[in-house]
C-alpha atoms as a PDB file:
ATOM      1  CA  MET A   1      43.934 -37.015 -12.633  1.00  0.00           C
ATOM      2  CA  PRO A   2      44.454 -38.971  -9.389  1.00  0.00           C
ATOM      3  CA  PRO A   3      42.312 -42.060  -9.019  1.00  0.00           C
ATOM      4  CA  ASP A   4      40.999 -40.862  -5.560  1.00  0.00           C
ATOM      5  CA  ILE A   5      39.117 -37.823  -7.000  1.00  0.00           C
ATOM      6  CA  LEU A   6      35.852 -38.714  -8.711  1.00  0.00           C
ATOM      7  CA  CYS A   7      34.990 -36.343 -11.608  1.00  0.00           C
ATOM      8  CA  SER A   8      31.347 -36.070 -12.838  1.00  0.00           C
ATOM      9  CA  THR A   9      30.484 -35.059 -16.359  1.00  0.00           C
ATOM     10  CA  LEU A  10      26.900 -34.245 -15.574  1.00  0.00           C
ATOM     11  CA  ALA A  11      25.807 -30.830 -15.853  1.00  0.00           C
ATOM     12  CA  THR A  12      24.448 -29.040 -12.783  1.00  0.00           C
ATOM     13  CA  PRO A  13      20.756 -28.642 -13.195  1.00  0.00           C
ATOM     14  CA  ILE A  14      19.570 -25.110 -13.401  1.00  0.00           C
ATOM     15  CA  LEU A  15      16.324 -24.533 -11.615  1.00  0.00           C
ATOM     16  CA  GLU A  16      14.143 -21.766 -12.705  1.00  0.00           C
ATOM     17  CA  GLU A  17      11.277 -20.715 -10.629  1.00  0.00           C
ATOM     18  CA  SER A  18       8.522 -18.740 -12.091  1.00  0.00           C
ATOM     19  CA  THR A  19       6.371 -16.942  -9.822  1.00  0.00           C
ATOM     20  CA  ASP A  20       4.345 -13.789 -10.003  1.00  0.00           C
ATOM     21  CA  LEU A  21       5.325 -12.577  -6.447  1.00  0.00           C
ATOM     22  CA  ASP A  22       7.355  -9.804  -7.776  1.00  0.00           C
ATOM     23  CA  GLU A  23       4.566  -8.684  -9.947  1.00  0.00           C
ATOM     24  CA  ARG A  24       2.068  -8.726  -7.043  1.00  0.00           C
ATOM     25  CA  LEU A  25       4.335  -6.928  -4.796  1.00  0.00           C
ATOM     26  CA  ALA A  26       5.092  -4.240  -7.430  1.00  0.00           C
ATOM     27  CA  THR A  27       1.311  -3.678  -8.238  1.00  0.00           C
ATOM     28  CA  PRO A  28       0.215  -0.262  -6.789  1.00  0.00           C
ATOM     29  CA  TRP A  29      -2.232  -0.263  -4.004  1.00  0.00           C
ATOM     30  CA  LYS A  30      -4.728   2.546  -3.169  1.00  0.00           C
ATOM     31  CA  VAL A  31      -5.280   3.854   0.248  1.00  0.00           C
ATOM     32  CA  ILE A  32      -8.931   4.790   0.483  1.00  0.00           C
ATOM     33  CA  VAL A  33     -10.687   6.466   3.307  1.00  0.00           C
ATOM     34  CA  LEU A  34     -14.523   5.928   3.627  1.00  0.00           C
ATOM     35  CA  ASN A  35     -17.073   8.334   4.966  1.00  0.00           C
ATOM     36  CA  ASP A  36     -18.378   7.739   8.453  1.00  0.00           C
ATOM     37  CA  PRO A  37     -21.010   9.720  10.570  1.00  0.00           C
ATOM     38  CA  VAL A  38     -18.611   9.979  13.512  1.00  0.00           C
ATOM     39  CA  ASN A  39     -15.666  12.117  12.748  1.00  0.00           C
ATOM     40  CA  LEU A  40     -15.725  15.826  12.331  1.00  0.00           C
ATOM     41  CA  MET A  41     -14.534  17.469   9.175  1.00  0.00           C
ATOM     42  CA  ASN A  42     -11.794  19.477  10.767  1.00  0.00           C
ATOM     43  CA  TYR A  43     -10.644  16.241  12.590  1.00  0.00           C
ATOM     44  CA  VAL A  44     -10.377  14.367   9.333  1.00  0.00           C
ATOM     45  CA  VAL A  45      -8.266  17.422   7.696  1.00  0.00           C
ATOM     46  CA  MET A  46      -6.090  17.279  10.785  1.00  0.00           C
ATOM     47  CA  VAL A  47      -5.492  13.519  10.451  1.00  0.00           C
ATOM     48  CA  PHE A  48      -4.722  13.738   6.609  1.00  0.00           C
ATOM     49  CA  ARG A  49      -2.043  16.577   7.280  1.00  0.00           C
ATOM     50  CA  LYS A  50      -0.432  14.580  10.148  1.00  0.00           C
ATOM     51  CA  VAL A  51      -0.276  11.255   8.387  1.00  0.00           C
ATOM     52  CA  PHE A  52       0.438  12.332   4.702  1.00  0.00           C
ATOM     53  CA  GLY A  53       2.027  15.664   5.358  1.00  0.00           C
ATOM     54  CA  TYR A  54      -0.650  17.258   2.994  1.00  0.00           C
ATOM     55  CA  ASN A  55      -1.152  21.044   3.130  1.00  0.00           C
ATOM     56  CA  ASP A  56      -4.455  22.360   4.327  1.00  0.00           C
ATOM     57  CA  THR A  57      -5.865  22.783   0.726  1.00  0.00           C
ATOM     58  CA  LYS A  58      -4.957  19.146  -0.298  1.00  0.00           C
ATOM     59  CA  ALA A  59      -6.278  17.826   2.996  1.00  0.00           C
ATOM     60  CA  THR A  60      -9.547  19.716   2.684  1.00  0.00           C
ATOM     61  CA  LYS A  61     -10.069  18.519  -0.769  1.00  0.00           C
ATOM     62  CA  HIS A  62      -9.728  14.898   0.223  1.00  0.00           C
ATOM     63  CA  MET A  63     -12.050  15.501   3.241  1.00  0.00           C
ATOM     64  CA  MET A  64     -14.791  16.989   0.850  1.00  0.00           C
ATOM     65  CA  GLU A  65     -14.244  14.087  -1.427  1.00  0.00           C
ATOM     66  CA  VAL A  66     -14.925  11.594   1.445  1.00  0.00           C
ATOM     67  CA  HIS A  67     -18.010  13.730   2.857  1.00  0.00           C
ATOM     68  CA  GLU A  68     -19.543  14.095  -0.762  1.00  0.00           C
ATOM     69  CA  LEU A  69     -18.571  10.996  -2.561  1.00  0.00           C
ATOM     70  CA  GLY A  70     -18.246   8.580   0.305  1.00  0.00           C
ATOM     71  CA  LYS A  71     -14.748   7.987  -0.222  1.00  0.00           C
ATOM     72  CA  SER A  72     -11.335   9.463  -1.368  1.00  0.00           C
ATOM     73  CA  VAL A  73      -8.110   7.843  -2.673  1.00  0.00           C
ATOM     74  CA  LEU A  74      -5.446   9.456  -0.635  1.00  0.00           C
ATOM     75  CA  TRP A  75      -2.369   7.760  -1.853  1.00  0.00           C
ATOM     76  CA  VAL A  76      -1.251   5.145  -4.304  1.00  0.00           C
ATOM     77  CA  GLY A  77       1.920   3.132  -4.366  1.00  0.00           C
ATOM     78  CA  GLU A  78       3.769   0.082  -2.962  1.00  0.00           C
ATOM     79  CA  ARG A  79       1.712  -2.456  -0.883  1.00  0.00           C
ATOM     80  CA  GLU A  80       3.969  -2.120   2.445  1.00  0.00           C
ATOM     81  CA  GLN A  81       3.779   1.665   2.505  1.00  0.00           C
ATOM     82  CA  ALA A  82       0.063   1.406   1.664  1.00  0.00           C
ATOM     83  CA  GLU A  83      -0.402  -0.905   4.652  1.00  0.00           C
ATOM     84  CA  ASN A  84       1.540   1.416   6.836  1.00  0.00           C
ATOM     85  CA  TYR A  85      -0.807   4.386   5.874  1.00  0.00           C
ATOM     86  CA  ALA A  86      -4.039   2.259   6.366  1.00  0.00           C
ATOM     87  CA  TYR A  87      -2.663   1.323   9.740  1.00  0.00           C
ATOM     88  CA  GLN A  88      -2.011   4.850  10.795  1.00  0.00           C
ATOM     89  CA  LEU A  89      -5.482   6.065   9.511  1.00  0.00           C
ATOM     90  CA  GLN A  90      -7.190   3.402  11.438  1.00  0.00           C
ATOM     91  CA  ARG A  91      -5.394   4.220  14.618  1.00  0.00           C
ATOM     92  CA  TRP A  92      -6.899   7.662  14.092  1.00  0.00           C
ATOM     93  CA  ARG A  93     -10.247   5.917  13.913  1.00  0.00           C
ATOM     94  CA  LEU A  94     -10.838   6.497  10.209  1.00  0.00           C
ATOM     95  CA  GLN A  95     -12.466   3.871   8.165  1.00  0.00           C
ATOM     96  CA  THR A  96      -9.710   2.861   5.637  1.00  0.00           C
ATOM     97  CA  ILE A  97      -9.418   0.198   2.858  1.00  0.00           C
ATOM     98  CA  LEU A  98      -6.774  -0.840   0.535  1.00  0.00           C
ATOM     99  CA  GLU A  99      -7.434  -1.762  -3.210  1.00  0.00           C
ATOM    100  CA  LYS A 100      -5.185  -2.893  -5.929  1.00  0.00           C
ATOM    101  CA  ASP A 101      -4.880  -0.182  -8.543  1.00  0.00           C
ATOM    102  CA  ASP A 102      -5.744  -1.615 -11.966  1.00  0.00           C
END
């Protein structure tokens, strides 16, 4: 080996980062609509149909859950999509929250 080239016998360290970020991102999230005294039932059905593409029967079922039970879980899945749905529902003036699905 030529004298002007230095050679190291030290091994390159391997860095391992241990985070639970992937697990937190993979945790399913629930999109929940809460009951409110303002919106009419047919309006809520229309919003569920537009935002989620639900048929009339499914949208009405969720609207009745909101009306009778005070809330309904409309969708469960990845956090980014859940946030998107929550944003859309809030733009339609529906009270919406997100919860981790345990």
